[in-house]
mmCIF file of all heavy atoms, coordinates in Angstrom:
data_MODEL
# 
_entry.id   MODEL 
# 
loop_
_atom_site.group_PDB 
_atom_site.id 
_atom_site.type_symbol 
_atom_site.label_atom_id 
_atom_site.label_alt_id 
_atom_site.label_comp_id 
_atom_site.label_asym_id 
_atom_site.label_entity_id 
_atom_site.label_seq_id 
_atom_site.pdbx_PDB_ins_code 
_atom_site.Cartn_x 
_atom_site.Cartn_y 
_atom_site.Cartn_z 
_atom_site.occupancy 
_atom_site.B_iso_or_equiv 
_atom_site.pdbx_formal_charge 
_atom_site.auth_seq_id 
_atom_site.auth_comp_id 
_atom_site.auth_asym_id 
_atom_site.auth_atom_id 
_atom_site.pdbx_PDB_model_num 
ATOM 1   N N   . ALA A 1 1  ? 279.641 146.335 93.155 1.00 0.00 ? 1  ALA A N   1 
ATOM 2   C CA  . ALA A 1 1  ? 279.884 147.789 93.098 1.00 0.00 ? 1  ALA A CA  1 
ATOM 3   C C   . ALA A 1 1  ? 280.807 148.198 92.064 1.00 0.00 ? 1  ALA A C   1 
ATOM 4   O O   . ALA A 1 1  ? 280.613 149.222 91.535 1.00 0.00 ? 1  ALA A O   1 
ATOM 5   C CB  . ALA A 1 1  ? 280.487 148.050 94.542 1.00 0.00 ? 1  ALA A CB  1 
ATOM 6   N N   . ALA A 1 2  ? 281.878 147.414 91.764 1.00 0.00 ? 2  ALA A N   1 
ATOM 7   C CA  . ALA A 1 2  ? 282.731 147.767 90.711 1.00 0.00 ? 2  ALA A CA  1 
ATOM 8   C C   . ALA A 1 2  ? 282.164 147.819 89.358 1.00 0.00 ? 2  ALA A C   1 
ATOM 9   O O   . ALA A 1 2  ? 282.219 148.654 88.561 1.00 0.00 ? 2  ALA A O   1 
ATOM 10  C CB  . ALA A 1 2  ? 283.964 146.806 90.681 1.00 0.00 ? 2  ALA A CB  1 
ATOM 11  N N   . LEU A 1 3  ? 281.270 146.786 89.173 1.00 0.00 ? 3  LEU A N   1 
ATOM 12  C CA  . LEU A 1 3  ? 280.449 146.746 87.972 1.00 0.00 ? 3  LEU A CA  1 
ATOM 13  C C   . LEU A 1 3  ? 279.496 147.807 87.829 1.00 0.00 ? 3  LEU A C   1 
ATOM 14  O O   . LEU A 1 3  ? 279.313 148.475 86.670 1.00 0.00 ? 3  LEU A O   1 
ATOM 15  C CB  . LEU A 1 3  ? 279.839 145.361 87.923 1.00 0.00 ? 3  LEU A CB  1 
ATOM 16  C CG  . LEU A 1 3  ? 278.957 144.955 86.608 1.00 0.00 ? 3  LEU A CG  1 
ATOM 17  C CD1 . LEU A 1 3  ? 279.854 145.237 85.407 1.00 0.00 ? 3  LEU A CD1 1 
ATOM 18  C CD2 . LEU A 1 3  ? 278.515 143.580 86.674 1.00 0.00 ? 3  LEU A CD2 1 
ATOM 19  N N   . ALA A 1 4  ? 278.889 148.158 88.942 1.00 0.00 ? 4  ALA A N   1 
ATOM 20  C CA  . ALA A 1 4  ? 277.894 149.346 88.931 1.00 0.00 ? 4  ALA A CA  1 
ATOM 21  C C   . ALA A 1 4  ? 278.553 150.590 88.547 1.00 0.00 ? 4  ALA A C   1 
ATOM 22  O O   . ALA A 1 4  ? 277.995 151.467 87.686 1.00 0.00 ? 4  ALA A O   1 
ATOM 23  C CB  . ALA A 1 4  ? 277.208 149.442 90.371 1.00 0.00 ? 4  ALA A CB  1 
ATOM 24  N N   . TYR A 1 5  ? 279.698 150.902 89.208 1.00 0.00 ? 5  TYR A N   1 
ATOM 25  C CA  . TYR A 1 5  ? 280.436 152.144 88.877 1.00 0.00 ? 5  TYR A CA  1 
ATOM 26  C C   . TYR A 1 5  ? 280.889 152.153 87.348 1.00 0.00 ? 5  TYR A C   1 
ATOM 27  O O   . TYR A 1 5  ? 280.826 153.191 86.597 1.00 0.00 ? 5  TYR A O   1 
ATOM 28  C CB  . TYR A 1 5  ? 281.533 152.445 89.790 1.00 0.00 ? 5  TYR A CB  1 
ATOM 29  C CG  . TYR A 1 5  ? 282.043 153.845 89.543 1.00 0.00 ? 5  TYR A CG  1 
ATOM 30  C CD1 . TYR A 1 5  ? 281.184 154.951 89.909 1.00 0.00 ? 5  TYR A CD1 1 
ATOM 31  C CD2 . TYR A 1 5  ? 283.349 154.117 88.931 1.00 0.00 ? 5  TYR A CD2 1 
ATOM 32  C CE1 . TYR A 1 5  ? 281.700 156.240 89.759 1.00 0.00 ? 5  TYR A CE1 1 
ATOM 33  C CE2 . TYR A 1 5  ? 283.689 155.339 88.763 1.00 0.00 ? 5  TYR A CE2 1 
ATOM 34  C CZ  . TYR A 1 5  ? 282.865 156.452 89.183 1.00 0.00 ? 5  TYR A CZ  1 
ATOM 35  O OH  . TYR A 1 5  ? 283.186 157.745 88.916 1.00 0.00 ? 5  TYR A OH  1 
ATOM 36  N N   . GLY A 1 6  ? 281.239 150.947 86.901 1.00 0.00 ? 6  GLY A N   1 
ATOM 37  C CA  . GLY A 1 6  ? 281.636 150.804 85.472 1.00 0.00 ? 6  GLY A CA  1 
ATOM 38  C C   . GLY A 1 6  ? 280.564 151.111 84.536 1.00 0.00 ? 6  GLY A C   1 
ATOM 39  O O   . GLY A 1 6  ? 280.648 151.868 83.558 1.00 0.00 ? 6  GLY A O   1 
ATOM 40  N N   . GLU A 1 7  ? 279.272 150.615 84.955 1.00 0.00 ? 7  GLU A N   1 
ATOM 41  C CA  . GLU A 1 7  ? 278.028 150.868 84.105 1.00 0.00 ? 7  GLU A CA  1 
ATOM 42  C C   . GLU A 1 7  ? 277.715 152.347 84.195 1.00 0.00 ? 7  GLU A C   1 
ATOM 43  O O   . GLU A 1 7  ? 277.267 152.975 83.263 1.00 0.00 ? 7  GLU A O   1 
ATOM 44  C CB  . GLU A 1 7  ? 276.897 150.023 84.629 1.00 0.00 ? 7  GLU A CB  1 
ATOM 45  C CG  . GLU A 1 7  ? 277.112 148.583 84.386 1.00 0.00 ? 7  GLU A CG  1 
ATOM 46  C CD  . GLU A 1 7  ? 277.094 148.254 82.786 1.00 0.00 ? 7  GLU A CD  1 
ATOM 47  O OE1 . GLU A 1 7  ? 276.093 148.609 82.243 1.00 0.00 ? 7  GLU A OE1 1 
ATOM 48  O OE2 . GLU A 1 7  ? 277.983 147.523 82.369 1.00 0.00 ? 7  GLU A OE2 1 
ATOM 49  N N   . LEU A 1 8  ? 277.824 152.943 85.331 1.00 0.00 ? 8  LEU A N   1 
ATOM 50  C CA  . LEU A 1 8  ? 277.476 154.417 85.553 1.00 0.00 ? 8  LEU A CA  1 
ATOM 51  C C   . LEU A 1 8  ? 278.469 155.231 84.598 1.00 0.00 ? 8  LEU A C   1 
ATOM 52  O O   . LEU A 1 8  ? 278.021 156.195 83.920 1.00 0.00 ? 8  LEU A O   1 
ATOM 53  C CB  . LEU A 1 8  ? 277.564 154.841 86.933 1.00 0.00 ? 8  LEU A CB  1 
ATOM 54  C CG  . LEU A 1 8  ? 277.178 156.291 87.169 1.00 0.00 ? 8  LEU A CG  1 
ATOM 55  C CD1 . LEU A 1 8  ? 275.699 156.578 86.872 1.00 0.00 ? 8  LEU A CD1 1 
ATOM 56  C CD2 . LEU A 1 8  ? 277.297 156.500 88.827 1.00 0.00 ? 8  LEU A CD2 1 
ATOM 57  N N   . THR A 1 9  ? 279.739 155.025 84.722 1.00 0.00 ? 9  THR A N   1 
ATOM 58  C CA  . THR A 1 9  ? 280.732 155.778 83.930 1.00 0.00 ? 9  THR A CA  1 
ATOM 59  C C   . THR A 1 9  ? 280.531 155.324 82.345 1.00 0.00 ? 9  THR A C   1 
ATOM 60  O O   . THR A 1 9  ? 280.587 156.323 81.544 1.00 0.00 ? 9  THR A O   1 
ATOM 61  C CB  . THR A 1 9  ? 282.144 155.489 84.209 1.00 0.00 ? 9  THR A CB  1 
ATOM 62  O OG1 . THR A 1 9  ? 282.395 154.133 84.178 1.00 0.00 ? 9  THR A OG1 1 
ATOM 63  C CG2 . THR A 1 9  ? 282.430 155.965 85.670 1.00 0.00 ? 9  THR A CG2 1 
ATOM 64  N N   . GLY A 1 10 ? 280.102 154.148 82.068 1.00 0.00 ? 10 GLY A N   1 
ATOM 65  C CA  . GLY A 1 10 ? 279.943 153.793 80.717 1.00 0.00 ? 10 GLY A CA  1 
ATOM 66  C C   . GLY A 1 10 ? 278.680 154.561 80.096 1.00 0.00 ? 10 GLY A C   1 
ATOM 67  O O   . GLY A 1 10 ? 278.698 155.061 78.973 1.00 0.00 ? 10 GLY A O   1 
ATOM 68  N N   . PHE A 1 11 ? 277.630 154.852 80.955 1.00 0.00 ? 11 PHE A N   1 
ATOM 69  C CA  . PHE A 1 11 ? 276.576 155.633 80.584 1.00 0.00 ? 11 PHE A CA  1 
ATOM 70  C C   . PHE A 1 11 ? 276.965 157.049 80.263 1.00 0.00 ? 11 PHE A C   1 
ATOM 71  O O   . PHE A 1 11 ? 276.631 157.617 79.122 1.00 0.00 ? 11 PHE A O   1 
ATOM 72  C CB  . PHE A 1 11 ? 275.493 155.669 81.671 1.00 0.00 ? 11 PHE A CB  1 
ATOM 73  C CG  . PHE A 1 11 ? 274.534 156.860 81.688 1.00 0.00 ? 11 PHE A CG  1 
ATOM 74  C CD1 . PHE A 1 11 ? 273.586 157.020 80.677 1.00 0.00 ? 11 PHE A CD1 1 
ATOM 75  C CD2 . PHE A 1 11 ? 274.751 157.830 82.549 1.00 0.00 ? 11 PHE A CD2 1 
ATOM 76  C CE1 . PHE A 1 11 ? 272.758 158.159 80.700 1.00 0.00 ? 11 PHE A CE1 1 
ATOM 77  C CE2 . PHE A 1 11 ? 273.985 158.961 82.534 1.00 0.00 ? 11 PHE A CE2 1 
ATOM 78  C CZ  . PHE A 1 11 ? 272.942 159.119 81.535 1.00 0.00 ? 11 PHE A CZ  1 
ATOM 79  N N   . ALA A 1 12 ? 277.705 157.604 81.080 1.00 0.00 ? 12 ALA A N   1 
ATOM 80  C CA  . ALA A 1 12 ? 278.139 159.010 80.820 1.00 0.00 ? 12 ALA A CA  1 
ATOM 81  C C   . ALA A 1 12 ? 279.005 159.144 79.569 1.00 0.00 ? 12 ALA A C   1 
ATOM 82  O O   . ALA A 1 12 ? 278.866 160.150 78.877 1.00 0.00 ? 12 ALA A O   1 
ATOM 83  C CB  . ALA A 1 12 ? 278.959 159.474 82.075 1.00 0.00 ? 12 ALA A CB  1 
ATOM 84  N N   . ARG A 1 13 ? 279.957 158.146 79.341 1.00 0.00 ? 13 ARG A N   1 
ATOM 85  C CA  . ARG A 1 13 ? 280.920 158.431 78.198 1.00 0.00 ? 13 ARG A CA  1 
ATOM 86  C C   . ARG A 1 13 ? 280.065 158.031 76.972 1.00 0.00 ? 13 ARG A C   1 
ATOM 87  O O   . ARG A 1 13 ? 280.333 158.849 75.945 1.00 0.00 ? 13 ARG A O   1 
ATOM 88  C CB  . ARG A 1 13 ? 281.942 157.215 78.380 1.00 0.00 ? 13 ARG A CB  1 
ATOM 89  C CG  . ARG A 1 13 ? 283.077 157.628 79.559 1.00 0.00 ? 13 ARG A CG  1 
ATOM 90  C CD  . ARG A 1 13 ? 284.202 156.651 79.506 1.00 0.00 ? 13 ARG A CD  1 
ATOM 91  N NE  . ARG A 1 13 ? 283.795 155.477 79.940 1.00 0.00 ? 13 ARG A NE  1 
ATOM 92  C CZ  . ARG A 1 13 ? 283.746 154.309 79.198 1.00 0.00 ? 13 ARG A CZ  1 
ATOM 93  N NH1 . ARG A 1 13 ? 284.089 154.391 77.926 1.00 0.00 ? 13 ARG A NH1 1 
ATOM 94  N NH2 . ARG A 1 13 ? 283.409 153.183 79.662 1.00 0.00 ? 13 ARG A NH2 1 
ATOM 95  N N   . LEU A 1 14 ? 279.187 157.080 76.906 1.00 0.00 ? 14 LEU A N   1 
ATOM 96  C CA  . LEU A 1 14 ? 278.359 156.928 75.588 1.00 0.00 ? 14 LEU A CA  1 
ATOM 97  C C   . LEU A 1 14 ? 277.489 158.037 75.299 1.00 0.00 ? 14 LEU A C   1 
ATOM 98  O O   . LEU A 1 14 ? 277.260 158.522 74.139 1.00 0.00 ? 14 LEU A O   1 
ATOM 99  C CB  . LEU A 1 14 ? 277.554 155.642 75.891 1.00 0.00 ? 14 LEU A CB  1 
ATOM 100 C CG  . LEU A 1 14 ? 278.356 154.294 75.778 1.00 0.00 ? 14 LEU A CG  1 
ATOM 101 C CD1 . LEU A 1 14 ? 277.457 153.086 76.017 1.00 0.00 ? 14 LEU A CD1 1 
ATOM 102 C CD2 . LEU A 1 14 ? 278.938 154.179 74.293 1.00 0.00 ? 14 LEU A CD2 1 
ATOM 103 N N   . ALA A 1 15 ? 276.874 158.672 76.478 1.00 0.00 ? 15 ALA A N   1 
ATOM 104 C CA  . ALA A 1 15 ? 276.121 159.843 76.206 1.00 0.00 ? 15 ALA A CA  1 
ATOM 105 C C   . ALA A 1 15 ? 276.908 160.997 75.631 1.00 0.00 ? 15 ALA A C   1 
ATOM 106 O O   . ALA A 1 15 ? 276.462 161.678 74.834 1.00 0.00 ? 15 ALA A O   1 
ATOM 107 C CB  . ALA A 1 15 ? 275.481 160.299 77.563 1.00 0.00 ? 15 ALA A CB  1 
ATOM 108 N N   . GLY A 1 16 ? 278.058 161.209 76.257 1.00 0.00 ? 16 GLY A N   1 
ATOM 109 C CA  . GLY A 1 16 ? 279.026 162.166 75.596 1.00 0.00 ? 16 GLY A CA  1 
ATOM 110 C C   . GLY A 1 16 ? 279.529 161.782 74.204 1.00 0.00 ? 16 GLY A C   1 
ATOM 111 O O   . GLY A 1 16 ? 279.552 162.773 73.353 1.00 0.00 ? 16 GLY A O   1 
ATOM 112 N N   . ASP A 1 17 ? 279.794 160.635 73.964 1.00 0.00 ? 17 ASP A N   1 
ATOM 113 C CA  . ASP A 1 17 ? 280.246 160.236 72.605 1.00 0.00 ? 17 ASP A CA  1 
ATOM 114 C C   . ASP A 1 17 ? 279.075 160.544 71.629 1.00 0.00 ? 17 ASP A C   1 
ATOM 115 O O   . ASP A 1 17 ? 279.263 160.798 70.519 1.00 0.00 ? 17 ASP A O   1 
ATOM 116 C CB  . ASP A 1 17 ? 280.520 158.771 72.538 1.00 0.00 ? 17 ASP A CB  1 
ATOM 117 C CG  . ASP A 1 17 ? 281.833 158.396 73.254 1.00 0.00 ? 17 ASP A CG  1 
ATOM 118 O OD1 . ASP A 1 17 ? 282.508 159.367 73.675 1.00 0.00 ? 17 ASP A OD1 1 
ATOM 119 O OD2 . ASP A 1 17 ? 282.020 157.243 73.555 1.00 0.00 ? 17 ASP A OD2 1 
ATOM 120 N N   . SER A 1 18 ? 277.845 160.309 71.971 1.00 0.00 ? 18 SER A N   1 
ATOM 121 C CA  . SER A 1 18 ? 276.730 160.564 71.070 1.00 0.00 ? 18 SER A CA  1 
ATOM 122 C C   . SER A 1 18 ? 276.680 161.918 70.485 1.00 0.00 ? 18 SER A C   1 
ATOM 123 O O   . SER A 1 18 ? 276.302 162.100 69.414 1.00 0.00 ? 18 SER A O   1 
ATOM 124 C CB  . SER A 1 18 ? 275.386 160.175 71.757 1.00 0.00 ? 18 SER A CB  1 
ATOM 125 O OG  . SER A 1 18 ? 275.063 161.155 72.664 1.00 0.00 ? 18 SER A OG  1 
ATOM 126 N N   . GLU A 1 19 ? 277.072 162.877 71.301 1.00 0.00 ? 19 GLU A N   1 
ATOM 127 C CA  . GLU A 1 19 ? 277.141 164.251 70.821 1.00 0.00 ? 19 GLU A CA  1 
ATOM 128 C C   . GLU A 1 19 ? 278.030 164.579 69.752 1.00 0.00 ? 19 GLU A C   1 
ATOM 129 O O   . GLU A 1 19 ? 277.988 165.430 68.973 1.00 0.00 ? 19 GLU A O   1 
ATOM 130 C CB  . GLU A 1 19 ? 277.447 165.159 72.002 1.00 0.00 ? 19 GLU A CB  1 
ATOM 131 C CG  . GLU A 1 19 ? 276.376 165.135 73.186 1.00 0.00 ? 19 GLU A CG  1 
ATOM 132 C CD  . GLU A 1 19 ? 276.729 166.098 74.353 1.00 0.00 ? 19 GLU A CD  1 
ATOM 133 O OE1 . GLU A 1 19 ? 277.711 166.725 74.240 1.00 0.00 ? 19 GLU A OE1 1 
ATOM 134 O OE2 . GLU A 1 19 ? 275.966 166.145 75.234 1.00 0.00 ? 19 GLU A OE2 1 
ATOM 135 N N   . LEU A 1 20 ? 279.117 163.610 69.598 1.00 0.00 ? 20 LEU A N   1 
ATOM 136 C CA  . LEU A 1 20 ? 280.175 163.807 68.634 1.00 0.00 ? 20 LEU A CA  1 
ATOM 137 C C   . LEU A 1 20 ? 279.922 162.846 67.388 1.00 0.00 ? 20 LEU A C   1 
ATOM 138 O O   . LEU A 1 20 ? 280.813 162.773 66.472 1.00 0.00 ? 20 LEU A O   1 
ATOM 139 C CB  . LEU A 1 20 ? 281.561 163.551 69.197 1.00 0.00 ? 20 LEU A CB  1 
ATOM 140 C CG  . LEU A 1 20 ? 281.889 164.537 70.299 1.00 0.00 ? 20 LEU A CG  1 
ATOM 141 C CD1 . LEU A 1 20 ? 283.223 164.189 71.017 1.00 0.00 ? 20 LEU A CD1 1 
ATOM 142 C CD2 . LEU A 1 20 ? 282.005 166.025 69.817 1.00 0.00 ? 20 LEU A CD2 1 
ATOM 143 N N   . ALA A 1 21 ? 278.889 162.025 67.423 1.00 0.00 ? 21 ALA A N   1 
ATOM 144 C CA  . ALA A 1 21 ? 278.610 161.061 66.371 1.00 0.00 ? 21 ALA A CA  1 
ATOM 145 C C   . ALA A 1 21 ? 278.523 161.846 65.094 1.00 0.00 ? 21 ALA A C   1 
ATOM 146 O O   . ALA A 1 21 ? 277.970 162.898 65.004 1.00 0.00 ? 21 ALA A O   1 
ATOM 147 C CB  . ALA A 1 21 ? 277.388 160.226 66.672 1.00 0.00 ? 21 ALA A CB  1 
ATOM 148 N N   . PRO A 1 22 ? 279.121 161.167 64.022 1.00 0.00 ? 22 PRO A N   1 
ATOM 149 C CA  . PRO A 1 22 ? 279.022 161.813 62.666 1.00 0.00 ? 22 PRO A CA  1 
ATOM 150 C C   . PRO A 1 22 ? 277.677 161.861 61.925 1.00 0.00 ? 22 PRO A C   1 
ATOM 151 O O   . PRO A 1 22 ? 277.511 162.537 61.019 1.00 0.00 ? 22 PRO A O   1 
ATOM 152 C CB  . PRO A 1 22 ? 280.094 161.026 61.868 1.00 0.00 ? 22 PRO A CB  1 
ATOM 153 C CG  . PRO A 1 22 ? 280.132 159.755 62.485 1.00 0.00 ? 22 PRO A CG  1 
ATOM 154 C CD  . PRO A 1 22 ? 279.850 159.911 64.010 1.00 0.00 ? 22 PRO A CD  1 
ATOM 155 N N   . THR A 1 23 ? 276.787 160.903 62.422 1.00 0.00 ? 23 THR A N   1 
ATOM 156 C CA  . THR A 1 23 ? 275.462 160.856 61.681 1.00 0.00 ? 23 THR A CA  1 
ATOM 157 C C   . THR A 1 23 ? 274.390 160.722 62.822 1.00 0.00 ? 23 THR A C   1 
ATOM 158 O O   . THR A 1 23 ? 274.586 160.272 63.895 1.00 0.00 ? 23 THR A O   1 
ATOM 159 C CB  . THR A 1 23 ? 275.363 159.585 60.825 1.00 0.00 ? 23 THR A CB  1 
ATOM 160 O OG1 . THR A 1 23 ? 275.387 158.433 61.682 1.00 0.00 ? 23 THR A OG1 1 
ATOM 161 C CG2 . THR A 1 23 ? 276.515 159.531 59.840 1.00 0.00 ? 23 THR A CG2 1 
ATOM 162 N N   . PRO A 1 24 ? 273.171 161.265 62.394 1.00 0.00 ? 24 PRO A N   1 
ATOM 163 C CA  . PRO A 1 24 ? 272.043 161.027 63.350 1.00 0.00 ? 24 PRO A CA  1 
ATOM 164 C C   . PRO A 1 24 ? 271.794 159.643 63.770 1.00 0.00 ? 24 PRO A C   1 
ATOM 165 O O   . PRO A 1 24 ? 271.383 159.387 64.880 1.00 0.00 ? 24 PRO A O   1 
ATOM 166 C CB  . PRO A 1 24 ? 270.935 161.687 62.556 1.00 0.00 ? 24 PRO A CB  1 
ATOM 167 C CG  . PRO A 1 24 ? 271.409 162.624 61.556 1.00 0.00 ? 24 PRO A CG  1 
ATOM 168 C CD  . PRO A 1 24 ? 272.782 161.913 61.232 1.00 0.00 ? 24 PRO A CD  1 
# 
C-alpha cells in the first residue's frame, strides 16, 4: 500500500514536471 501510494504520487509529480520540461 505504501509503495502503491508512492507510485501514484510519483505519476502525478512526473506528469506535472513534464509540463515544465525545457525541451520537447
